């Protein structure tokens, strides 16, 4: 299982530790990934996800999982988040009354 955020795609980055003598040794910057269950109002259930803490703050700011996914552009979402977004859109369209 990779250390990658399900909602934003944030993952491990690489860089250097730089000593006082300016020696550079490789290091990894791990993303702070947490296992959480976020509630989707449209689906009416909790969705278990592996999310970075930064994404968790953004979801909270946007007003929940549904609002975050519906307002985020498709190009910025990873595949699993896109599938979840499609499920939410489908459920919302089905619950909307038909005009006519």
Protein backbone atom coordinates (compact mmCIF):
# COMPACT_ATOMS: atom_id res chain seq x y z
CA UNK A 1 0.00 0.00 0.00
CA UNK A 2 1.57 3.28 -1.05
CA UNK A 3 1.72 6.37 1.11
CA UNK A 4 -0.54 8.44 -1.10
CA UNK A 5 -3.54 10.60 -0.23
CA UNK A 6 -6.77 9.27 -1.74
CA UNK A 7 -8.28 12.73 -2.24
CA UNK A 8 -5.35 14.88 -3.35
CA UNK A 9 -2.72 12.41 -4.58
CA UNK A 10 -0.08 13.87 -2.25
CA UNK A 11 2.77 11.37 -1.86
CA UNK A 12 6.38 10.92 -0.72
CA UNK A 13 8.84 13.60 -1.86
CA UNK A 14 12.62 13.34 -2.00
CA UNK A 15 15.32 15.77 -0.97
CA UNK A 16 18.59 16.09 0.92
CA UNK A 17 19.76 16.44 4.48
CA UNK A 18 22.44 19.13 4.29
CA UNK A 19 25.10 19.09 7.02
CA UNK A 20 27.13 22.01 8.33
CA UNK A 21 29.96 20.95 5.98
CA UNK A 22 27.41 21.07 3.12
CA UNK A 23 27.38 17.29 2.62
CA UNK A 24 24.12 16.18 1.02
CA UNK A 25 22.55 12.83 1.95
CA UNK A 26 19.30 11.59 0.51
CA UNK A 27 16.13 11.63 2.57
CA UNK A 28 12.40 11.19 2.15
CA UNK A 29 9.64 13.59 3.14
CA UNK A 30 6.68 11.37 4.06
CA UNK A 31 3.13 12.65 3.63
CA UNK A 32 1.17 12.61 6.89
CA UNK A 33 -1.42 9.99 5.88
CA UNK A 34 -4.24 9.02 8.26
CA UNK A 35 -6.98 6.41 7.96
CA UNK A 36 -10.33 8.15 8.38
CA UNK A 37 -13.99 7.52 7.60
CA UNK A 38 -15.63 10.57 6.09
CA UNK A 39 -19.42 10.76 5.90
CA UNK A 40 -20.97 11.37 2.49
CA UNK A 41 -24.36 13.06 2.84
CA UNK A 42 -25.42 12.10 -0.69
CA UNK A 43 -24.53 8.42 -0.31
CA UNK A 44 -25.75 8.28 3.29
CA UNK A 45 -22.75 6.30 4.51
CA UNK A 46 -19.23 6.65 5.86
CA UNK A 47 -16.46 6.17 3.31
CA UNK A 48 -13.12 4.83 4.63
CA UNK A 49 -10.17 6.69 3.08
CA UNK A 50 -6.41 7.21 3.51
CA UNK A 51 -6.13 10.99 3.59
CA UNK A 52 -3.35 13.49 4.28
CA UNK A 53 -3.96 15.84 7.19
CA UNK A 54 -3.78 18.78 4.79
CA UNK A 55 -6.60 17.30 2.70
CA UNK A 56 -8.60 16.64 5.87
CA UNK A 57 -8.39 20.32 6.76
CA UNK A 58 -9.47 21.28 3.24
CA UNK A 59 -12.45 18.89 3.35
CA UNK A 60 -13.52 20.45 6.64
CA UNK A 61 -13.13 23.98 5.23
CA UNK A 62 -15.19 23.18 2.12
CA UNK A 63 -18.03 21.78 4.23
CA UNK A 64 -17.65 18.02 3.96
CA UNK A 65 -16.60 15.27 1.57
CA UNK A 66 -19.37 15.89 -0.98
CA UNK A 67 -18.70 19.62 -1.20
CA UNK A 68 -14.95 19.03 -1.52
CA UNK A 69 -15.29 16.53 -4.37
CA UNK A 70 -17.96 18.46 -6.27
CA UNK A 71 -16.01 21.75 -6.18
CA UNK A 72 -12.60 20.25 -7.04
CA UNK A 73 -11.67 20.04 -10.73
CA UNK A 74 -11.41 16.49 -12.14
CA UNK A 75 -7.81 16.97 -13.28
CA UNK A 76 -6.70 17.49 -9.67
CA UNK A 77 -8.32 14.31 -8.31
CA UNK A 78 -6.80 10.81 -8.33
CA UNK A 79 -8.73 7.90 -9.88
CA UNK A 80 -10.33 6.64 -6.65
CA UNK A 81 -11.58 10.14 -5.76
CA UNK A 82 -13.01 10.52 -9.29
CA UNK A 83 -14.95 7.26 -8.92
CA UNK A 84 -16.35 8.48 -5.61
CA UNK A 85 -17.25 11.85 -7.17
CA UNK A 86 -19.13 10.08 -9.99
CA UNK A 87 -21.08 7.99 -7.46
CA UNK A 88 -22.06 11.12 -5.53
CA UNK A 89 -23.11 12.99 -8.70
CA UNK A 90 -25.20 10.02 -9.86
CA UNK A 91 -26.94 9.77 -6.48
CA UNK A 92 -27.67 13.52 -6.42
CA UNK A 93 -29.09 13.48 -9.96
CA UNK A 94 -31.31 10.51 -9.13
CA UNK A 95 -32.72 12.26 -6.05
CA UNK A 96 -33.37 15.53 -7.92
CA UNK A 97 -37.02 15.78 -9.17
CA UNK A 98 -37.46 15.85 -12.94
CA UNK A 99 -38.81 19.09 -14.43
CA UNK A 100 -41.35 18.84 -17.13
